[in-house]
Protein backbone atom coordinates (compact mmCIF):
# COMPACT_ATOMS: atom_id res chain seq x y z
CA MET A 1 -4.52 10.21 -4.07
CA PHE A 2 -1.91 9.86 -7.24
CA LEU A 3 -3.07 12.20 -9.35
CA ASP A 4 -0.96 15.15 -9.13
CA ILE A 5 2.23 12.74 -8.63
CA THR A 6 1.35 10.97 -11.87
CA ILE A 7 1.04 14.55 -13.80
CA ARG A 8 4.63 15.30 -12.27
CA ARG A 9 6.08 12.33 -13.05
CA ASN A 10 4.39 10.20 -15.58
CA ILE A 11 2.51 12.67 -17.78
CA ASN A 12 3.62 10.46 -20.56
CA LEU A 13 1.26 7.73 -19.33
CA ILE A 14 -1.83 10.12 -18.90
CA GLN A 15 -0.95 11.40 -22.36
CA THR A 16 -0.99 7.29 -23.42
CA ALA A 17 -4.09 7.15 -21.69
CA MET A 18 -6.25 9.88 -23.12
CA ASN A 19 -4.42 8.90 -26.72
CA LEU A 20 -5.78 5.70 -26.32
CA HIS A 21 -9.29 6.08 -24.84
CA GLN A 22 -9.88 8.65 -27.77
CA SER A 23 -8.83 6.56 -30.89
CA GLY A 24 -11.43 3.75 -29.68
CA LYS A 25 -8.49 2.16 -28.65
CA ILE A 26 -9.64 0.81 -25.07
CA ARG A 27 -12.71 1.31 -23.44
CA PRO A 28 -13.94 3.24 -20.27
CA ASN A 29 -13.34 1.07 -17.47
CA THR A 30 -9.80 0.33 -18.32
CA TYR A 31 -6.85 0.78 -16.29
CA VAL A 32 -3.62 1.74 -18.20
CA LEU A 33 -0.63 0.07 -17.00
CA ASP A 34 2.81 1.69 -17.91
CA LEU A 35 4.80 -1.54 -18.72
CA ASP A 36 7.95 0.69 -19.18
CA GLY A 37 7.54 2.39 -15.57
CA ILE A 38 6.86 -0.77 -13.34
CA GLU A 39 9.86 -2.77 -15.21
CA GLU A 40 11.95 0.46 -13.91
CA ASN A 41 10.31 -0.18 -10.15
CA ALA A 42 11.17 -3.45 -10.24
CA ARG A 43 14.72 -2.56 -11.57
CA LYS A 44 15.02 -0.74 -8.37
CA ILE A 45 12.82 -3.03 -6.15
CA LYS A 46 15.24 -5.97 -6.62
CA LYS A 47 18.73 -4.33 -6.15
CA GLU A 48 17.73 -2.71 -2.56
CA ALA A 49 16.37 -5.88 -2.07
CA ASP A 50 19.59 -7.60 -3.15
CA LYS A 51 21.17 -4.92 -1.29
CA ASN A 52 19.90 -5.61 1.73
CA ASN A 53 20.24 -9.94 1.18
CA ILE A 54 16.53 -9.92 1.55
CA GLU A 55 14.24 -12.53 -0.52
CA ILE A 56 11.61 -10.97 -2.54
CA TYR A 57 7.51 -12.40 -4.12
CA MET A 58 5.60 -10.39 -6.15
CA MET A 59 1.92 -9.50 -5.32
CA THR A 60 0.01 -9.28 -8.46
CA LYS A 61 -3.77 -9.18 -7.31
CA GLN A 62 -3.78 -4.94 -7.29
CA ILE A 63 -2.82 -5.18 -10.77
CA GLY A 64 -5.68 -8.03 -11.68
CA ARG A 65 -3.17 -10.77 -11.38
CA ASN A 66 -1.61 -10.37 -15.01
CA PRO A 67 1.09 -13.13 -15.90
CA GLU A 68 2.33 -10.38 -18.81
CA VAL A 69 3.54 -7.87 -15.89
CA ALA A 70 4.19 -11.21 -13.81
CA LYS A 71 6.36 -12.21 -15.92
CA LEU A 72 8.10 -8.82 -17.02
CA ILE A 73 8.53 -8.94 -12.98
CA SER A 74 10.22 -11.71 -13.02
CA LYS A 75 12.99 -11.41 -16.26
CA ILE A 76 14.10 -9.08 -13.54
CA GLY A 77 15.32 -11.87 -11.11
CA ILE A 78 12.38 -11.57 -8.64
CA ASN A 79 10.93 -14.88 -10.09
CA LYS A 80 8.23 -15.99 -7.40
CA ALA A 81 4.90 -14.33 -6.77
CA VAL A 82 2.74 -14.59 -3.22
CA ALA A 83 -0.60 -15.48 -4.55
CA VAL A 84 -3.11 -13.82 -1.87
CA ASP A 85 -5.87 -16.90 -2.71
CA PRO A 86 -5.37 -20.33 -4.37
CA TRP A 87 -7.17 -18.63 -7.27
CA GLU A 88 -4.08 -16.69 -8.42
CA ALA A 89 -1.44 -18.75 -7.80
CA LEU A 90 -2.95 -21.02 -10.45
CA THR A 91 -3.52 -18.06 -12.67
CA LEU A 92 -0.12 -17.23 -12.46
CA ALA A 93 1.13 -21.26 -12.48
CA LYS A 94 -0.32 -21.93 -15.49
CA SER A 95 1.43 -18.79 -17.34
CA GLY A 96 4.85 -20.20 -15.75
CA ILE A 97 5.13 -17.89 -12.63
CA LYS A 98 7.14 -19.92 -9.52
CA ILE A 99 4.41 -19.91 -6.71
CA GLY A 100 6.70 -18.27 -3.61
CA ASN A 101 3.99 -18.33 -0.66
CA VAL A 102 0.34 -19.40 -0.86
CA GLY A 103 -2.35 -19.04 1.74
CA HIS A 104 -1.23 -16.22 3.98
CA LEU A 105 -4.63 -13.91 3.44
CA VAL A 106 -6.66 -16.63 1.97
CA GLN A 107 -6.49 -20.38 2.99
CA ILE A 108 -6.42 -23.36 0.68
CA PRO A 109 -10.21 -24.87 0.46
CA SER A 110 -9.78 -28.48 1.12
CA ASN A 111 -10.58 -29.36 -2.31
CA MET A 112 -8.19 -27.25 -3.76
CA ILE A 113 -5.53 -28.88 -2.09
CA LYS A 114 -4.24 -31.04 -4.41
CA ASP A 115 -4.30 -28.49 -7.63
CA ILE A 116 -1.94 -25.87 -5.27
CA ILE A 117 0.47 -28.97 -4.21
CA GLU A 118 1.27 -29.98 -7.90
CA VAL A 119 2.35 -25.85 -9.01
CA ASN A 120 5.04 -26.95 -6.21
CA PRO A 121 5.14 -23.64 -4.35
CA GLU A 122 8.06 -22.65 -1.84
CA VAL A 123 5.90 -22.42 1.23
CA VAL A 124 2.43 -22.54 2.06
CA THR A 125 0.87 -20.68 4.80
CA VAL A 126 -1.89 -22.42 7.45
CA PHE A 127 -3.84 -20.45 10.20
CA THR A 128 -4.75 -23.95 11.55
CA VAL A 129 -3.22 -27.37 12.58
CA GLU A 130 -5.99 -28.89 10.64
CA LYS A 131 -5.08 -27.08 7.38
CA ALA A 132 -1.32 -28.21 7.73
CA LYS A 133 -2.60 -31.87 8.55
CA GLU A 134 -5.00 -31.76 5.42
CA VAL A 135 -1.47 -30.49 3.40
CA SER A 136 0.92 -33.02 4.62
CA GLN A 137 -1.84 -35.63 3.86
CA GLU A 138 -2.04 -34.36 0.02
CA ALA A 139 1.83 -33.85 -0.35
CA GLU A 140 2.21 -37.44 0.90
CA LYS A 141 -0.11 -38.44 -1.76
CA GLN A 142 2.29 -36.93 -4.53
CA GLY A 143 5.39 -37.75 -2.69
CA LYS A 144 6.22 -34.49 -0.75
CA VAL A 145 7.11 -32.62 2.02
CA GLN A 146 5.23 -29.58 1.55
CA ASP A 147 7.21 -26.45 3.54
CA ILE A 148 5.07 -24.22 5.60
CA ILE A 149 5.35 -21.48 7.24
CA LEU A 150 3.04 -20.70 10.64
CA LYS A 151 0.90 -17.11 10.68
CA VAL A 152 1.01 -15.92 13.59
CA ILE A 153 -1.48 -13.78 16.12
CA ASP A 154 -1.58 -12.15 19.34
CA ASN A 155 -4.13 -9.94 20.73
CA GLU A 156 -3.00 -7.03 20.92
CA ASP A 157 -2.13 -7.02 17.09
CA LEU A 158 -3.96 -5.10 14.27
CA ILE A 159 -6.19 -7.64 11.98
CA TYR A 160 -8.03 -6.19 9.09
CA GLU A 161 -11.43 -7.31 9.55
CA GLY A 162 -12.02 -10.10 7.35
CA GLN A 163 -8.78 -11.02 7.98
CA THR A 164 -8.47 -12.88 10.95
CA GLY A 165 -7.51 -15.78 11.68
CA GLY A 166 -3.56 -17.91 13.03
CA PHE A 167 -1.96 -19.23 15.79
CA LYS A 168 -2.22 -17.60 18.85
CA LYS A 169 1.29 -16.60 20.22
CA ALA A 170 -0.11 -18.81 23.42
CA ASP A 171 -0.64 -21.70 21.89
CA LEU A 172 2.26 -21.70 19.25
CA ILE A 173 4.36 -24.07 20.73
CA GLU A 174 1.58 -27.10 21.58
CA SER A 175 0.59 -26.65 17.97
CA ALA A 176 3.50 -26.93 16.59
CA LYS A 177 4.49 -30.17 17.87
CA LYS A 178 1.14 -31.66 16.58
CA ILE A 179 2.35 -30.63 12.88
CA MET A 180 5.93 -31.22 13.22
CA GLU A 181 3.82 -34.81 13.71
CA TYR A 182 3.27 -34.89 9.93
CA LYS A 183 5.32 -36.05 7.57
CA GLY A 184 4.10 -34.26 4.95
CA VAL A 185 4.95 -30.77 6.01
CA LYS A 186 8.23 -29.27 7.67
CA ILE A 187 7.68 -25.78 9.23
CA VAL A 188 9.88 -23.13 7.29
CA GLY A 189 8.73 -19.76 9.01
CA VAL A 190 6.17 -17.64 10.75
CA THR A 191 4.70 -14.72 9.39
CA ALA A 192 2.22 -12.30 10.29
CA PHE A 193 -0.25 -9.40 8.60
CA PRO A 194 0.31 -6.55 8.40
CA CYS A 195 3.55 -6.02 9.64
CA LEU A 196 4.40 -2.26 8.04
CA LEU A 197 2.52 0.26 7.79
CA TYR A 198 2.48 4.26 6.17
CA ASP A 199 2.40 6.55 9.54
CA SER A 200 0.61 9.39 7.63
CA GLU A 201 1.64 11.76 10.93
CA LYS A 202 5.19 10.51 10.92
CA ARG A 203 5.30 10.55 6.97
CA LYS A 204 7.46 7.16 7.18
CA VAL A 205 6.97 3.80 7.01
CA VAL A 206 6.63 1.98 10.31
CA LYS A 207 6.15 -1.04 12.14
CA THR A 208 3.12 -2.66 13.60
CA HIS A 209 2.79 -4.63 16.76
CA ASN A 210 2.56 -7.72 14.91
CA VAL A 211 6.39 -7.90 14.22
CA LYS A 212 6.78 -8.17 17.78
CA THR A 213 4.41 -11.04 17.33
CA LEU A 214 6.08 -12.40 14.56
CA LEU A 215 9.71 -12.36 16.27
CA ASP A 216 8.95 -13.15 19.58
CA CYS A 217 6.90 -17.23 17.81
CA ALA A 218 9.79 -16.93 15.45
CA LYS A 219 12.40 -17.31 19.02
CA LEU A 220 9.82 -19.17 20.77
CA LEU A 221 10.18 -21.79 17.63
CA GLU A 222 13.42 -21.85 17.40
CA GLU A 223 14.02 -22.07 20.98
CA GLU A 224 11.53 -24.73 22.58
CA LEU A 225 11.51 -27.06 19.33
CA GLY A 226 14.60 -26.62 17.67
CA ILE A 227 13.73 -25.06 14.41
CA LYS A 228 16.07 -23.93 12.38
CA LEU A 229 13.66 -21.37 10.27
CA LYS A 230 14.52 -20.10 6.89
CA GLN A 231 11.90 -17.54 6.11
CA ILE A 232 10.53 -14.79 8.76
CA ASN A 233 7.48 -12.92 6.25
CA VAL A 234 7.43 -9.21 6.47
CA PRO A 235 4.55 -8.10 4.19
CA SER A 236 2.78 -5.19 3.77
CA ALA A 237 4.06 -1.50 2.51
CA ASN A 238 6.82 -3.03 1.04
CA SER A 239 8.55 -0.77 -1.22
CA VAL A 240 12.39 0.63 -1.92
CA SER A 241 12.32 2.57 0.96
CA SER A 242 10.37 0.06 3.49
CA ILE A 243 12.93 -2.91 2.39
CA SER A 244 16.02 -1.74 4.48
CA LEU A 245 13.50 -1.98 7.92
CA ILE A 246 12.76 -5.64 6.88
CA LYS A 247 15.86 -6.40 7.08
CA GLU A 248 16.76 -3.96 10.31
CA ILE A 249 13.81 -6.21 12.16
CA GLY A 250 15.31 -9.53 11.81
CA GLY A 251 13.27 -10.26 8.27
CA THR A 252 14.67 -12.42 5.78
CA HIS A 253 11.42 -11.87 3.11
CA GLY A 254 8.73 -9.34 1.63
CA GLU A 255 5.50 -9.14 -0.48
CA PRO A 256 6.10 -5.71 -2.76
CA GLY A 257 2.76 -5.12 -5.01
CA HIS A 258 1.68 -1.82 -5.34
CA ALA A 259 5.47 -0.56 -4.98
CA PHE A 260 5.42 -1.91 -8.82
CA THR A 261 3.03 0.74 -9.84
CA GLY A 262 4.45 3.26 -7.69
CA THR A 263 1.15 3.54 -5.75
CA ILE A 264 2.64 2.95 -2.83
CA PRO A 265 0.92 5.88 0.04
CA ILE A 266 4.35 7.14 0.88
CA ASN A 267 4.57 8.44 -2.68
CA VAL A 268 1.61 10.71 -2.59
CA TYR A 269 3.47 12.80 0.18
CA GLU A 270 7.39 12.03 -0.10
CA GLU A 271 8.67 11.10 -3.77
CA GLN A 272 9.89 7.83 -4.17
CA PRO A 273 12.24 5.84 -6.28
CA GLU A 274 8.65 4.21 -7.46
CA ILE A 275 6.92 6.38 -10.78
CA PRO A 276 3.59 6.26 -10.69
CA SER A 277 2.43 3.30 -13.74
CA MET A 278 -1.37 3.04 -13.11
CA VAL A 279 -4.13 5.24 -13.96
CA TYR A 280 -7.77 4.33 -14.55
CA VAL A 281 -9.86 5.22 -17.74
CA SER A 282 -13.65 6.29 -17.53
CA GLU A 283 -15.60 8.23 -19.83
CA ILE A 284 -17.92 11.27 -18.97
CA SER A 285 -21.69 9.27 -19.64
CA HIS A 286 -23.72 12.29 -18.77
CA CYS A 287 -24.28 15.06 -16.56
CA TYR A 288 -26.92 15.71 -13.95
CA GLU A 289 -27.72 19.39 -12.28
CA ASP A 290 -24.50 19.97 -10.90
CA LYS A 291 -22.62 17.07 -11.63
CA ALA A 292 -20.41 14.77 -13.86
CA TYR A 293 -21.14 10.99 -13.86
CA ALA A 294 -18.16 8.24 -15.47
CA TYR A 295 -18.69 5.00 -16.31
CA GLY A 296 -17.96 2.56 -13.26
CA GLY A 297 -16.76 -0.39 -12.69
CA GLY A 298 -13.05 0.00 -11.38
CA TYR A 299 -13.68 2.41 -8.48
CA TYR A 300 -11.63 0.97 -5.48
CA ARG A 301 -13.52 2.28 -2.15
CA ARG A 302 -10.45 2.60 -0.47
CA GLY A 303 -9.02 3.87 -2.88
CA ASN A 304 -9.14 7.29 -1.51
CA ILE A 305 -10.10 8.97 -4.90
CA LYS A 306 -9.86 12.81 -4.80
CA SER A 307 -10.45 14.29 -8.74
CA ALA A 308 -9.82 13.64 -12.04
CA ILE A 309 -8.72 14.92 -14.87
CA VAL A 310 -11.67 15.57 -17.68
CA GLY A 311 -11.14 16.48 -21.45
CA SER A 312 -10.62 15.40 -24.99
CA SER A 313 -7.10 16.07 -24.84
CA LEU A 314 -4.48 15.74 -22.49
CA GLU A 315 -4.51 20.15 -22.62
CA LYS A 316 -7.64 20.62 -22.09
CA GLY A 317 -7.73 18.00 -19.39
CA LEU A 318 -4.71 19.37 -17.14
CA ASP A 319 -6.94 22.44 -17.37
CA ASN A 320 -10.22 21.04 -15.79
CA ILE A 321 -9.32 19.15 -13.26
CA LEU A 322 -12.54 18.12 -11.43
CA ASN A 323 -13.53 17.32 -7.76
CA VAL A 324 -14.49 13.43 -7.08
CA VAL A 325 -17.72 13.25 -5.17
CA GLU A 326 -17.72 10.43 -2.45
CA MET A 327 -19.62 7.01 -2.71
CA SER A 328 -21.65 5.48 -0.07
CA PRO A 329 -20.36 1.74 0.11
CA THR A 330 -23.71 0.24 -0.28
CA ASN A 331 -23.74 1.48 -3.80
CA ILE A 332 -22.89 -0.24 -7.13
CA ASP A 333 -20.11 1.86 -8.80
CA TYR A 334 -22.23 1.82 -11.45
CA TYR A 335 -20.92 5.23 -12.50
CA GLY A 336 -19.06 8.26 -10.36
CA ALA A 337 -20.22 11.35 -9.66
CA LEU A 338 -17.68 14.29 -10.32
CA GLU A 339 -18.60 17.74 -9.20
CA ILE A 340 -18.84 20.19 -12.41
CA GLY A 341 -18.74 23.52 -10.73
CA ASP A 342 -16.85 26.15 -12.81
CA LYS A 343 -15.56 23.55 -15.60
CA LYS A 344 -16.57 22.58 -18.72
CA VAL A 345 -17.89 18.85 -19.30
CA ASN A 346 -18.70 17.10 -22.46
CA ILE A 347 -20.77 13.61 -23.06
CA GLY A 348 -17.76 11.53 -24.41
CA ASP A 349 -14.85 13.50 -22.47
CA THR A 350 -12.02 10.84 -21.25
CA VAL A 351 -12.00 10.91 -17.74
CA ILE A 352 -8.14 10.09 -16.22
CA TYR A 353 -8.06 8.83 -12.08
CA ALA A 354 -4.71 7.82 -10.39
CA PHE A 355 -5.84 6.30 -7.17
CA ARG A 356 -5.31 2.93 -4.97
CA THR A 357 -6.81 -0.22 -6.08
CA GLN A 358 -7.26 -3.65 -6.07
CA ILE A 359 -7.84 -4.77 -9.96
CA PHE A 360 -8.92 -8.19 -8.93
CA VAL A 361 -12.05 -7.42 -6.80
CA THR A 362 -13.06 -4.74 -9.77
CA ARG A 363 -14.69 -5.38 -13.23
CA ALA A 364 -12.45 -3.78 -14.71
CA GLU A 365 -10.25 -4.21 -17.96
CA VAL A 366 -6.42 -3.77 -17.89
CA ALA A 367 -4.58 -1.98 -20.83
CA LEU A 368 -0.80 -3.22 -21.24
CA VAL A 369 1.37 -0.71 -22.90
CA GLU A 370 4.76 -0.41 -23.85
CA GLY A 371 7.26 1.70 -24.94
CA ILE A 372 5.33 5.35 -23.02
CA GLN A 373 8.16 5.92 -21.73
CA ASN A 374 10.48 6.56 -24.76
CA ASN A 375 7.14 8.08 -26.63
CA ARG A 376 6.35 5.06 -28.71
CA PRO A 377 3.78 3.91 -26.91
CA LYS A 378 2.16 0.56 -27.88
CA LEU A 379 -0.78 -1.48 -26.95
CA ILE A 380 0.21 -4.83 -26.51
CA GLY A 381 -2.83 -6.42 -24.96
CA ILE A 382 -6.11 -6.07 -23.00
CA TYR A 383 -6.59 -7.96 -19.83
CA ASP A 384 -9.65 -8.68 -17.87
CA SER A 385 -9.52 -8.17 -13.97
CA LEU A 386 -8.24 -11.76 -13.23
CA GLY A 387 -5.29 -12.34 -16.03
CA ASN A 388 -7.53 -13.64 -18.50
CA ARG A 389 -6.81 -12.21 -22.36
CA LEU A 390 -9.55 -10.73 -24.09
CA ARG A 391 -8.35 -9.11 -26.72
């Protein structure tokens, strides 16, 4: 998906990844992250957010909850993270990263609320009155009042399978009144998901129906209950090019993730300020009939993988780009298949992919490299897909 633009805009990353693999410093099934590129992307995002007076939480699930990358982004001034689930929140908090929002896509399990409240998140997102009550009870035990935001939803909203939940607009006021009786929580905002998405036909990021629900619910809380909202959180497809849209909508917060690595869909079609800063490295295991097979473990089924560079060097690889054979979602990704056609493939060749991923749901390793952009690459560490340092 991002191979062409990575070749055009960050050939140094590809060169470094091939060298690291060919020298044995990284294994196949490794994502290589360009820390220079990520840092520069973060600066651009922060600048645009400040320009539009939008508060930004960093999302790290797509880079494997990596604490070192989070620290790098934090130094830029984006110093709070949104955690897709409580496990991510605890991983980041353990490394000293401040937690901005937790509970949005994955509610906090009852027996983990204590641990989450102890790390002092700025806000906790809740889907139900019952969950708000649990958060309130634990916050009171810790002598705190926890700010919460309500995930809102309506019948016409776009909801991804496996992410259903929230306060229906028709029931919002009744639910909010009950929550306001709890002494350990305070309603300070609303959110929905996804609010923004890239439209490939229009070639731009557009609003979903969820935005109307978000704004309608914010208005209801403010006008009918007199709640002064501090946060109207507008997540998904947040990047340099869409931050101004958050402001236009009337939002206050965004949660960029893929923007830090430049792996945003719009970057495929329209060159964006963010440069591609992540590739996936594998190795040719074997060939069978007309296909070559590369080691798997890190393929992402929604990655829209189209092609890969194959070779023992950058020069050879750029003249040897193979098309990817689509994988069935019913299969485990032990290998990824490539069409050999008229190309040349040798056992042990490096394979370089560039696609949209979510590292935290893979079994890949993550290599952090600095100095790529000034031609002095240095491997500073290898982590697992959940942010734990391996070596």
